[in-house]
Amino acid sequence: MADDSDKLSGAEEYITATIALTETLAPDQEKSLRDALEKLSTFALLAREVDARKILLCYDPARTSQKKLLELIRQAGGQLAHIESEGSPLLGTIFPGPPPAA
């Protein structure tokens, strides 16, 4: 079975999304969301930071969609307040420091 990294062109464009929630996620909802995001391919979701009121995602729009990511948040019980997204420059400027914990 071929490794997905063999299919990458090196010119992938990632999208950064910042999602604010109207209400704080309960601990079980936060865990459910983290588990759902963990199931996505590491090539589809390059980085994530989940907080009880705000979620930061960096994803490859060719491998997953913002619609799918928002649906995962809704399924976990998140109520969306505001969504901002843009093409991602360097990941170090979006998620400074060590990679976020899963």
PDB file of N, CA and C in Angstrom:
ATOM      1  N   MET A   1       0.847  -1.181   0.000  1.00  0.00           N
ATOM      2  CA  MET A   1       0.000   0.000   0.000  1.00  0.00           C
ATOM      3  C   MET A   1       0.890   1.242   0.000  1.00  0.00           C
ATOM      4  N   ALA A   2       0.618   2.165  -0.896  1.00  0.00           N
ATOM      5  CA  ALA A   2       1.445   3.367  -1.032  1.00  0.00           C
ATOM      6  C   ALA A   2       1.186   4.339   0.111  1.00  0.00           C
ATOM      7  N   ASP A   3       2.239   4.978   0.537  1.00  0.00           N
ATOM      8  CA  ASP A   3       2.156   6.000   1.573  1.00  0.00           C
ATOM      9  C   ASP A   3       1.582   7.268   0.948  1.00  0.00           C
ATOM     10  N   ASP A   4       0.646   7.945   1.645  1.00  0.00           N
ATOM     11  CA  ASP A   4       0.044   9.174   1.119  1.00  0.00           C
ATOM     12  C   ASP A   4       1.082  10.243   0.840  1.00  0.00           C
ATOM     13  N   SER A   5       2.200  10.244   1.558  1.00  0.00           N
ATOM     14  CA  SER A   5       3.216  11.275   1.334  1.00  0.00           C
ATOM     15  C   SER A   5       3.816  11.164  -0.059  1.00  0.00           C
ATOM     16  N   ASP A   6       3.734   9.980  -0.680  1.00  0.00           N
ATOM     17  CA  ASP A   6       4.230   9.815  -2.040  1.00  0.00           C
ATOM     18  C   ASP A   6       3.398  10.607  -3.041  1.00  0.00           C
ATOM     19  N   LYS A   7       2.161  10.924  -2.687  1.00  0.00           N
ATOM     20  CA  LYS A   7       1.252  11.608  -3.591  1.00  0.00           C
ATOM     21  C   LYS A   7       1.329  13.127  -3.466  1.00  0.00           C
ATOM     22  N   LEU A   8       2.061  13.635  -2.485  1.00  0.00           N
ATOM     23  CA  LEU A   8       2.123  15.069  -2.274  1.00  0.00           C
ATOM     24  C   LEU A   8       3.030  15.734  -3.305  1.00  0.00           C
ATOM     25  N   SER A   9       2.617  16.874  -3.804  1.00  0.00           N
ATOM     26  CA  SER A   9       3.394  17.571  -4.823  1.00  0.00           C
ATOM     27  C   SER A   9       4.395  18.543  -4.224  1.00  0.00           C
ATOM     28  N   GLY A  10       4.209  18.907  -2.964  1.00  0.00           N
ATOM     29  CA  GLY A  10       5.063  19.923  -2.355  1.00  0.00           C
ATOM     30  C   GLY A  10       4.495  21.312  -2.521  1.00  0.00           C
ATOM     31  N   ALA A  11       3.411  21.434  -3.262  1.00  0.00           N
ATOM     32  CA  ALA A  11       2.797  22.737  -3.504  1.00  0.00           C
ATOM     33  C   ALA A  11       1.430  22.832  -2.831  1.00  0.00           C
ATOM     34  N   GLU A  12       1.210  22.024  -1.822  1.00  0.00           N
ATOM     35  CA  GLU A  12      -0.080  22.005  -1.159  1.00  0.00           C
ATOM     36  C   GLU A  12      -0.376  23.352  -0.498  1.00  0.00           C
ATOM     37  N   GLU A  13      -1.601  23.769  -0.587  1.00  0.00           N
ATOM     38  CA  GLU A  13      -2.055  24.997   0.050  1.00  0.00           C
ATOM     39  C   GLU A  13      -2.960  24.608   1.208  1.00  0.00           C
ATOM     40  N   TYR A  14      -2.611  25.068   2.366  1.00  0.00           N
ATOM     41  CA  TYR A  14      -3.414  24.784   3.539  1.00  0.00           C
ATOM     42  C   TYR A  14      -4.268  25.991   3.886  1.00  0.00           C
ATOM     43  N   ILE A  15      -5.386  25.734   4.522  1.00  0.00           N
ATOM     44  CA  ILE A  15      -6.296  26.775   4.970  1.00  0.00           C
ATOM     45  C   ILE A  15      -6.273  26.788   6.493  1.00  0.00           C
ATOM     46  N   THR A  16      -6.226  27.965   7.057  1.00  0.00           N
ATOM     47  CA  THR A  16      -6.297  28.131   8.503  1.00  0.00           C
ATOM     48  C   THR A  16      -7.701  28.630   8.836  1.00  0.00           C
ATOM     49  N   ALA A  17      -8.348  27.954   9.759  1.00  0.00           N
ATOM     50  CA  ALA A  17      -9.687  28.363  10.195  1.00  0.00           C
ATOM     51  C   ALA A  17      -9.679  28.588  11.697  1.00  0.00           C
ATOM     52  N   THR A  18     -10.247  29.695  12.112  1.00  0.00           N
ATOM     53  CA  THR A  18     -10.443  30.000  13.525  1.00  0.00           C
ATOM     54  C   THR A  18     -11.946  30.014  13.746  1.00  0.00           C
ATOM     55  N   ILE A  19     -12.409  29.147  14.627  1.00  0.00           N
ATOM     56  CA  ILE A  19     -13.834  28.989  14.872  1.00  0.00           C
ATOM     57  C   ILE A  19     -14.135  29.339  16.323  1.00  0.00           C
ATOM     58  N   ALA A  20     -14.941  30.362  16.510  1.00  0.00           N
ATOM     59  CA  ALA A  20     -15.380  30.748  17.855  1.00  0.00           C
ATOM     60  C   ALA A  20     -16.726  30.088  18.115  1.00  0.00           C
ATOM     61  N   LEU A  21     -16.910  29.627  19.335  1.00  0.00           N
ATOM     62  CA  LEU A  21     -18.152  28.963  19.720  1.00  0.00           C
ATOM     63  C   LEU A  21     -19.002  29.890  20.580  1.00  0.00           C
ATOM     64  N   THR A  22     -20.321  29.733  20.497  1.00  0.00           N
ATOM     65  CA  THR A  22     -21.220  30.561  21.300  1.00  0.00           C
ATOM     66  C   THR A  22     -21.225  30.128  22.757  1.00  0.00           C
ATOM     67  N   GLU A  23     -21.007  28.848  22.998  1.00  0.00           N
ATOM     68  CA  GLU A  23     -21.006  28.312  24.356  1.00  0.00           C
ATOM     69  C   GLU A  23     -19.768  27.445  24.552  1.00  0.00           C
ATOM     70  N   THR A  24     -19.333  27.355  25.781  1.00  0.00           N
ATOM     71  CA  THR A  24     -18.182  26.532  26.128  1.00  0.00           C
ATOM     72  C   THR A  24     -18.524  25.059  25.934  1.00  0.00           C
ATOM     73  N   LEU A  25     -17.590  24.316  25.334  1.00  0.00           N
ATOM     74  CA  LEU A  25     -17.766  22.869  25.209  1.00  0.00           C
ATOM     75  C   LEU A  25     -17.600  22.219  26.578  1.00  0.00           C
ATOM     76  N   ALA A  26     -18.466  21.289  26.878  1.00  0.00           N
ATOM     77  CA  ALA A  26     -18.313  20.491  28.095  1.00  0.00           C
ATOM     78  C   ALA A  26     -17.116  19.569  27.884  1.00  0.00           C
ATOM     79  N   PRO A  27     -16.485  19.102  28.951  1.00  0.00           N
ATOM     80  CA  PRO A  27     -15.315  18.229  28.789  1.00  0.00           C
ATOM     81  C   PRO A  27     -15.574  17.010  27.897  1.00  0.00           C
ATOM     82  N   ASP A  28     -16.743  16.389  28.006  1.00  0.00           N
ATOM     83  CA  ASP A  28     -17.025  15.227  27.154  1.00  0.00           C
ATOM     84  C   ASP A  28     -17.211  15.637  25.692  1.00  0.00           C
ATOM     85  N   GLN A  29     -17.759  16.828  25.447  1.00  0.00           N
ATOM     86  CA  GLN A  29     -17.902  17.324  24.077  1.00  0.00           C
ATOM     87  C   GLN A  29     -16.530  17.636  23.485  1.00  0.00           C
ATOM     88  N   GLU A  30     -15.668  18.248  24.286  1.00  0.00           N
ATOM     89  CA  GLU A  30     -14.316  18.569  23.834  1.00  0.00           C
ATOM     90  C   GLU A  30     -13.555  17.296  23.484  1.00  0.00           C
ATOM     91  N   LYS A  31     -13.684  16.267  24.319  1.00  0.00           N
ATOM     92  CA  LYS A  31     -13.026  14.986  24.058  1.00  0.00           C
ATOM     93  C   LYS A  31     -13.578  14.351  22.789  1.00  0.00           C
ATOM     94  N   SER A  32     -14.891  14.409  22.618  1.00  0.00           N
ATOM     95  CA  SER A  32     -15.525  13.852  21.420  1.00  0.00           C
ATOM     96  C   SER A  32     -15.001  14.535  20.158  1.00  0.00           C
ATOM     97  N   LEU A  33     -14.858  15.858  20.214  1.00  0.00           N
ATOM     98  CA  LEU A  33     -14.335  16.599  19.065  1.00  0.00           C
ATOM     99  C   LEU A  33     -12.883  16.236  18.800  1.00  0.00           C
ATOM    100  N   ARG A  34     -12.072  16.173  19.848  1.00  0.00           N
ATOM    101  CA  ARG A  34     -10.664  15.791  19.676  1.00  0.00           C
ATOM    102  C   ARG A  34     -10.552  14.401  19.048  1.00  0.00           C
ATOM    103  N   ASP A  35     -11.378  13.463  19.507  1.00  0.00           N
ATOM    104  CA  ASP A  35     -11.369  12.100  18.963  1.00  0.00           C
ATOM    105  C   ASP A  35     -11.759  12.095  17.486  1.00  0.00           C
ATOM    106  N   ALA A  36     -12.778  12.873  17.125  1.00  0.00           N
ATOM    107  CA  ALA A  36     -13.222  12.939  15.725  1.00  0.00           C
ATOM    108  C   ALA A  36     -12.139  13.538  14.839  1.00  0.00           C
ATOM    109  N   LEU A  37     -11.484  14.603  15.298  1.00  0.00           N
ATOM    110  CA  LEU A  37     -10.417  15.223  14.514  1.00  0.00           C
ATOM    111  C   LEU A  37      -9.211  14.303  14.393  1.00  0.00           C
ATOM    112  N   GLU A  38      -8.956  13.519  15.439  1.00  0.00           N
ATOM    113  CA  GLU A  38      -7.831  12.575  15.436  1.00  0.00           C
ATOM    114  C   GLU A  38      -7.986  11.524  14.333  1.00  0.00           C
ATOM    115  N   LYS A  39      -9.221  11.203  13.978  1.00  0.00           N
ATOM    116  CA  LYS A  39      -9.491  10.177  12.963  1.00  0.00           C
ATOM    117  C   LYS A  39      -9.198  10.656  11.541  1.00  0.00           C
ATOM    118  N   LEU A  40      -9.093  11.971  11.358  1.00  0.00           N
ATOM    119  CA  LEU A  40      -8.771  12.496  10.026  1.00  0.00           C
ATOM    120  C   LEU A  40      -7.304  12.221   9.705  1.00  0.00           C
ATOM    121  N   SER A  41      -7.020  12.072   8.462  1.00  0.00           N
ATOM    122  CA  SER A  41      -5.646  11.877   8.001  1.00  0.00           C
ATOM    123  C   SER A  41      -4.763  13.045   8.424  1.00  0.00           C
ATOM    124  N   THR A  42      -3.524  12.738   8.772  1.00  0.00           N
ATOM    125  CA  THR A  42      -2.592  13.811   9.142  1.00  0.00           C
ATOM    126  C   THR A  42      -2.293  14.705   7.942  1.00  0.00           C
ATOM    127  N   PHE A  43      -2.559  14.228   6.732  1.00  0.00           N
ATOM    128  CA  PHE A  43      -2.365  15.058   5.547  1.00  0.00           C
ATOM    129  C   PHE A  43      -3.568  15.965   5.320  1.00  0.00           C
ATOM    130  N   ALA A  44      -4.749  15.568   5.797  1.00  0.00           N
ATOM    131  CA  ALA A  44      -5.951  16.393   5.662  1.00  0.00           C
ATOM    132  C   ALA A  44      -5.975  17.487   6.712  1.00  0.00           C
ATOM    133  N   LEU A  45      -5.625  17.137   7.943  1.00  0.00           N
ATOM    134  CA  LEU A  45      -5.635  18.085   9.049  1.00  0.00           C
ATOM    135  C   LEU A  45      -4.224  18.163   9.597  1.00  0.00           C
ATOM    136  N   LEU A  46      -3.522  19.194   9.196  1.00  0.00           N
ATOM    137  CA  LEU A  46      -2.118  19.326   9.532  1.00  0.00           C
ATOM    138  C   LEU A  46      -1.901  19.737  10.985  1.00  0.00           C
ATOM    139  N   ALA A  47      -2.754  20.607  11.500  1.00  0.00           N
ATOM    140  CA  ALA A  47      -2.600  21.075  12.880  1.00  0.00           C
ATOM    141  C   ALA A  47      -3.962  21.430  13.447  1.00  0.00           C
ATOM    142  N   ARG A  48      -4.074  21.293  14.759  1.00  0.00           N
ATOM    143  CA  ARG A  48      -5.325  21.648  15.418  1.00  0.00           C
ATOM    144  C   ARG A  48      -5.030  22.088  16.843  1.00  0.00           C
ATOM    145  N   GLU A  49      -5.866  22.976  17.315  1.00  0.00           N
ATOM    146  CA  GLU A  49      -5.790  23.428  18.695  1.00  0.00           C
ATOM    147  C   GLU A  49      -7.238  23.598  19.147  1.00  0.00           C
ATOM    148  N   VAL A  50      -7.654  22.763  20.087  1.00  0.00           N
ATOM    149  CA  VAL A  50      -9.036  22.783  20.547  1.00  0.00           C
ATOM    150  C   VAL A  50      -9.078  23.342  21.952  1.00  0.00           C
ATOM    151  N   ASP A  51      -9.878  24.352  22.107  1.00  0.00           N
ATOM    152  CA  ASP A  51     -10.096  25.018  23.386  1.00  0.00           C
ATOM    153  C   ASP A  51     -11.606  24.918  23.640  1.00  0.00           C
ATOM    154  N   ALA A  52     -12.043  25.137  24.832  1.00  0.00           N
ATOM    155  CA  ALA A  52     -13.464  25.024  25.146  1.00  0.00           C
ATOM    156  C   ALA A  52     -14.321  26.054  24.398  1.00  0.00           C
ATOM    157  N   ARG A  53     -13.745  27.202  23.987  1.00  0.00           N
ATOM    158  CA  ARG A  53     -14.509  28.248  23.298  1.00  0.00           C
ATOM    159  C   ARG A  53     -13.991  28.607  21.913  1.00  0.00           C
ATOM    160  N   LYS A  54     -12.797  28.118  21.556  1.00  0.00           N
ATOM    161  CA  LYS A  54     -12.213  28.476  20.264  1.00  0.00           C
ATOM    162  C   LYS A  54     -11.444  27.280  19.708  1.00  0.00           C
ATOM    163  N   ILE A  55     -11.538  27.099  18.398  1.00  0.00           N
ATOM    164  CA  ILE A  55     -10.875  25.990  17.715  1.00  0.00           C
ATOM    165  C   ILE A  55     -10.065  26.565  16.562  1.00  0.00           C
ATOM    166  N   LEU A  56      -8.801  26.186  16.490  1.00  0.00           N
ATOM    167  CA  LEU A  56      -7.928  26.577  15.384  1.00  0.00           C
ATOM    168  C   LEU A  56      -7.588  25.317  14.602  1.00  0.00           C
ATOM    169  N   LEU A  57      -7.780  25.370  13.293  1.00  0.00           N
ATOM    170  CA  LEU A  57      -7.490  24.226  12.435  1.00  0.00           C
ATOM    171  C   LEU A  57      -6.664  24.683  11.243  1.00  0.00           C
ATOM    172  N   CYS A  58      -5.758  23.833  10.808  1.00  0.00           N
ATOM    173  CA  CYS A  58      -5.018  24.054   9.579  1.00  0.00           C
ATOM    174  C   CYS A  58      -5.220  22.791   8.749  1.00  0.00           C
ATOM    175  N   TYR A  59      -5.908  22.918   7.623  1.00  0.00           N
ATOM    176  CA  TYR A  59      -6.292  21.748   6.848  1.00  0.00           C
ATOM    177  C   TYR A  59      -6.005  21.925   5.364  1.00  0.00           C
ATOM    178  N   ASP A  60      -5.919  20.793   4.681  1.00  0.00           N
ATOM    179  CA  ASP A  60      -5.711  20.764   3.239  1.00  0.00           C
ATOM    180  C   ASP A  60      -7.089  20.676   2.581  1.00  0.00           C
ATOM    181  N   PRO A  61      -7.534  21.715   1.878  1.00  0.00           N
ATOM    182  CA  PRO A  61      -8.869  21.696   1.283  1.00  0.00           C
ATOM    183  C   PRO A  61      -9.035  20.671   0.162  1.00  0.00           C
ATOM    184  N   ALA A  62      -7.943  20.114  -0.326  1.00  0.00           N
ATOM    185  CA  ALA A  62      -8.035  19.062  -1.335  1.00  0.00           C
ATOM    186  C   ALA A  62      -8.327  17.701  -0.689  1.00  0.00           C
ATOM    187  N   ARG A  63      -8.131  17.590   0.624  1.00  0.00           N
ATOM    188  CA  ARG A  63      -8.320  16.317   1.322  1.00  0.00           C
ATOM    189  C   ARG A  63      -9.494  16.314   2.286  1.00  0.00           C
ATOM    190  N   THR A  64      -9.941  17.482   2.691  1.00  0.00           N
ATOM    191  CA  THR A  64     -11.132  17.610   3.531  1.00  0.00           C
ATOM    192  C   THR A  64     -11.711  18.993   3.279  1.00  0.00           C
ATOM    193  N   SER A  65     -12.924  19.208   3.731  1.00  0.00           N
ATOM    194  CA  SER A  65     -13.562  20.503   3.492  1.00  0.00           C
ATOM    195  C   SER A  65     -13.897  21.193   4.801  1.00  0.00           C
ATOM    196  N   GLN A  66     -14.031  22.501   4.710  1.00  0.00           N
ATOM    197  CA  GLN A  66     -14.434  23.251   5.889  1.00  0.00           C
ATOM    198  C   GLN A  66     -15.816  22.780   6.337  1.00  0.00           C
ATOM    199  N   LYS A  67     -16.670  22.468   5.389  1.00  0.00           N
ATOM    200  CA  LYS A  67     -18.014  21.978   5.706  1.00  0.00           C
ATOM    201  C   LYS A  67     -17.943  20.720   6.565  1.00  0.00           C
ATOM    202  N   LYS A  68     -17.066  19.787   6.203  1.00  0.00           N
ATOM    203  CA  LYS A  68     -16.923  18.549   6.974  1.00  0.00           C
ATOM    204  C   LYS A  68     -16.384  18.845   8.379  1.00  0.00           C
ATOM    205  N   LEU A  69     -15.405  19.723   8.480  1.00  0.00           N
ATOM    206  CA  LEU A  69     -14.838  20.071   9.785  1.00  0.00           C
ATOM    207  C   LEU A  69     -15.871  20.745  10.679  1.00  0.00           C
ATOM    208  N   LEU A  70     -16.666  21.646  10.096  1.00  0.00           N
ATOM    209  CA  LEU A  70     -17.710  22.308  10.872  1.00  0.00           C
ATOM    210  C   LEU A  70     -18.770  21.309  11.322  1.00  0.00           C
ATOM    211  N   GLU A  71     -19.062  20.340  10.481  1.00  0.00           N
ATOM    212  CA  GLU A  71     -20.032  19.304  10.851  1.00  0.00           C
ATOM    213  C   GLU A  71     -19.512  18.471  12.019  1.00  0.00           C
ATOM    214  N   LEU A  72     -18.224  18.159  12.030  1.00  0.00           N
ATOM    215  CA  LEU A  72     -17.643  17.428  13.167  1.00  0.00           C
ATOM    216  C   LEU A  72     -17.790  18.232  14.464  1.00  0.00           C
ATOM    217  N   ILE A  73     -17.601  19.537  14.363  1.00  0.00           N
ATOM    218  CA  ILE A  73     -17.745  20.403  15.543  1.00  0.00           C
ATOM    219  C   ILE A  73     -19.191  20.397  16.020  1.00  0.00           C
ATOM    220  N   ARG A  74     -20.124  20.503  15.076  1.00  0.00           N
ATOM    221  CA  ARG A  74     -21.551  20.487  15.442  1.00  0.00           C
ATOM    222  C   ARG A  74     -21.942  19.143  16.063  1.00  0.00           C
ATOM    223  N   GLN A  75     -21.448  18.049  15.482  1.00  0.00           N
ATOM    224  CA  GLN A  75     -21.775  16.715  16.007  1.00  0.00           C
ATOM    225  C   GLN A  75     -21.261  16.529  17.431  1.00  0.00           C
ATOM    226  N   ALA A  76     -20.173  17.196  17.762  1.00  0.00           N
ATOM    227  CA  ALA A  76     -19.623  17.101  19.111  1.00  0.00           C
ATOM    228  C   ALA A  76     -20.377  18.006  20.086  1.00  0.00           C
ATOM    229  N   GLY A  77     -21.298  18.822  19.580  1.00  0.00           N
ATOM    230  CA  GLY A  77     -22.080  19.695  20.440  1.00  0.00           C
ATOM    231  C   GLY A  77     -21.692  21.148  20.379  1.00  0.00           C
ATOM    232  N   GLY A  78     -20.743  21.493  19.507  1.00  0.00           N
ATOM    233  CA  GLY A  78     -20.319  22.882  19.389  1.00  0.00           C
ATOM    234  C   GLY A  78     -21.327  23.723  18.629  1.00  0.00           C
ATOM    235  N   GLN A  79     -21.591  24.916  19.129  1.00  0.00           N
ATOM    236  CA  GLN A  79     -22.476  25.865  18.462  1.00  0.00           C
ATOM    237  C   GLN A  79     -21.612  26.994  17.918  1.00  0.00           C
ATOM    238  N   LEU A  80     -21.592  27.122  16.606  1.00  0.00           N
ATOM    239  CA  LEU A  80     -20.705  28.062  15.935  1.00  0.00           C
ATOM    240  C   LEU A  80     -21.163  29.501  16.105  1.00  0.00           C
ATOM    241  N   ALA A  81     -20.222  30.375  16.454  1.00  0.00           N
ATOM    242  CA  ALA A  81     -20.514  31.800  16.587  1.00  0.00           C
ATOM    243  C   ALA A  81     -19.903  32.577  15.430  1.00  0.00           C
ATOM    244  N   HIS A  82     -18.625  32.325  15.147  1.00  0.00           N
ATOM    245  CA  HIS A  82     -17.906  33.093  14.129  1.00  0.00           C
ATOM    246  C   HIS A  82     -16.813  32.213  13.521  1.00  0.00           C
ATOM    247  N   ILE A  83     -16.657  32.308  12.211  1.00  0.00           N
ATOM    248  CA  ILE A  83     -15.648  31.521  11.502  1.00  0.00           C
ATOM    249  C   ILE A  83     -14.819  32.456  10.647  1.00  0.00           C
ATOM    250  N   GLU A  84     -13.509  32.354  10.792  1.00  0.00           N
ATOM    251  CA  GLU A  84     -12.583  33.092   9.930  1.00  0.00           C
ATOM    252  C   GLU A  84     -11.670  32.064   9.288  1.00  0.00           C
ATOM    253  N   SER A  85     -11.412  32.229   7.999  1.00  0.00           N
ATOM    254  CA  SER A  85     -10.468  31.317   7.349  1.00  0.00           C
ATOM    255  C   SER A  85      -9.686  32.079   6.295  1.00  0.00           C
ATOM    256  N   GLU A  86      -8.469  31.578   6.057  1.00  0.00           N
ATOM    257  CA  GLU A  86      -7.590  32.191   5.069  1.00  0.00           C
ATOM    258  C   GLU A  86      -6.528  31.188   4.660  1.00  0.00           C
ATOM    259  N   GLY A  87      -5.894  31.434   3.539  1.00  0.00           N
ATOM    260  CA  GLY A  87      -4.772  30.608   3.122  1.00  0.00           C
ATOM    261  C   GLY A  87      -3.679  30.693   4.160  1.00  0.00           C
ATOM    262  N   SER A  88      -3.034  29.596   4.409  1.00  0.00           N
ATOM    263  CA  SER A  88      -2.044  29.538   5.477  1.00  0.00           C
ATOM    264  C   SER A  88      -0.656  29.879   4.980  1.00  0.00           C
ATOM    265  N   PRO A  89       0.011  30.844   5.636  1.00  0.00           N
ATOM    266  CA  PRO A  89       1.417  31.075   5.306  1.00  0.00           C
ATOM    267  C   PRO A  89       2.252  29.978   5.967  1.00  0.00           C
ATOM    268  N   LEU A  90       3.204  30.328   6.763  1.00  0.00           N
ATOM    269  CA  LEU A  90       4.015  29.319   7.449  1.00  0.00           C
ATOM    270  C   LEU A  90       3.330  28.888   8.731  1.00  0.00           C
ATOM    271  N   LEU A  91       3.322  27.588   9.008  1.00  0.00           N
ATOM    272  CA  LEU A  91       2.652  27.081  10.197  1.00  0.00           C
ATOM    273  C   LEU A  91       3.222  27.648  11.476  1.00  0.00           C
ATOM    274  N   GLY A  92       4.502  27.962  11.518  1.00  0.00           N
ATOM    275  CA  GLY A  92       5.114  28.504  12.725  1.00  0.00           C
ATOM    276  C   GLY A  92       4.511  29.829  13.142  1.00  0.00           C
ATOM    277  N   THR A  93       3.920  30.560  12.207  1.00  0.00           N
ATOM    278  CA  THR A  93       3.299  31.821  12.568  1.00  0.00           C
ATOM    279  C   THR A  93       1.871  31.626  13.053  1.00  0.00           C
ATOM    280  N   ILE A  94       1.282  30.489  12.724  1.00  0.00           N
ATOM    281  CA  ILE A  94      -0.091  30.208  13.131  1.00  0.00           C
ATOM    282  C   ILE A  94      -0.095  29.508  14.491  1.00  0.00           C
ATOM    283  N   PHE A  95       0.733  28.505  14.626  1.00  0.00           N
ATOM    284  CA  PHE A  95       0.835  27.725  15.835  1.00  0.00           C
ATOM    285  C   PHE A  95       2.280  27.831  16.353  1.00  0.00           C
ATOM    286  N   PRO A  96       2.641  28.970  16.941  1.00  0.00           N
ATOM    287  CA  PRO A  96       4.021  29.113  17.412  1.00  0.00           C
ATOM    288  C   PRO A  96       4.331  28.128  18.526  1.00  0.00           C
ATOM    289  N   GLY A  97       5.580  27.741  18.600  1.00  0.00           N
ATOM    290  CA  GLY A  97       5.977  26.815  19.658  1.00  0.00           C
ATOM    291  C   GLY A  97       5.789  25.372  19.251  1.00  0.00           C
ATOM    292  N   PRO A  98       5.798  24.471  20.230  1.00  0.00           N
ATOM    293  CA  PRO A  98       5.670  23.050  19.920  1.00  0.00           C
ATOM    294  C   PRO A  98       4.277  22.745  19.368  1.00  0.00           C
ATOM    295  N   PRO A  99       4.126  21.642  18.633  1.00  0.00           N
ATOM    296  CA  PRO A  99       2.822  21.286  18.072  1.00  0.00           C
ATOM    297  C   PRO A  99       1.790  21.124  19.188  1.00  0.00           C
ATOM    298  N   PRO A 100       0.531  21.494  18.909  1.00  0.00           N
ATOM    299  CA  PRO A 100      -0.502  21.353  19.919  1.00  0.00           C
ATOM    300  C   PRO A 100      -0.711  19.893  20.320  1.00  0.00           C
ATOM    301  N   ALA A 101      -1.028  19.683  21.567  1.00  0.00           N
ATOM    302  CA  ALA A 101      -1.297  18.327  22.055  1.00  0.00           C
ATOM    303  C   ALA A 101      -2.608  17.836  21.490  1.00  0.00           C
ATOM    304  N   ALA A 102      -2.662  16.556  21.252  1.00  0.00           N
ATOM    305  CA  ALA A 102      -3.898  15.962  20.700  1.00  0.00           C
ATOM    306  C   ALA A 102      -4.942  15.805  21.767  1.00  0.00           C
TER     307      ALA A 102
END
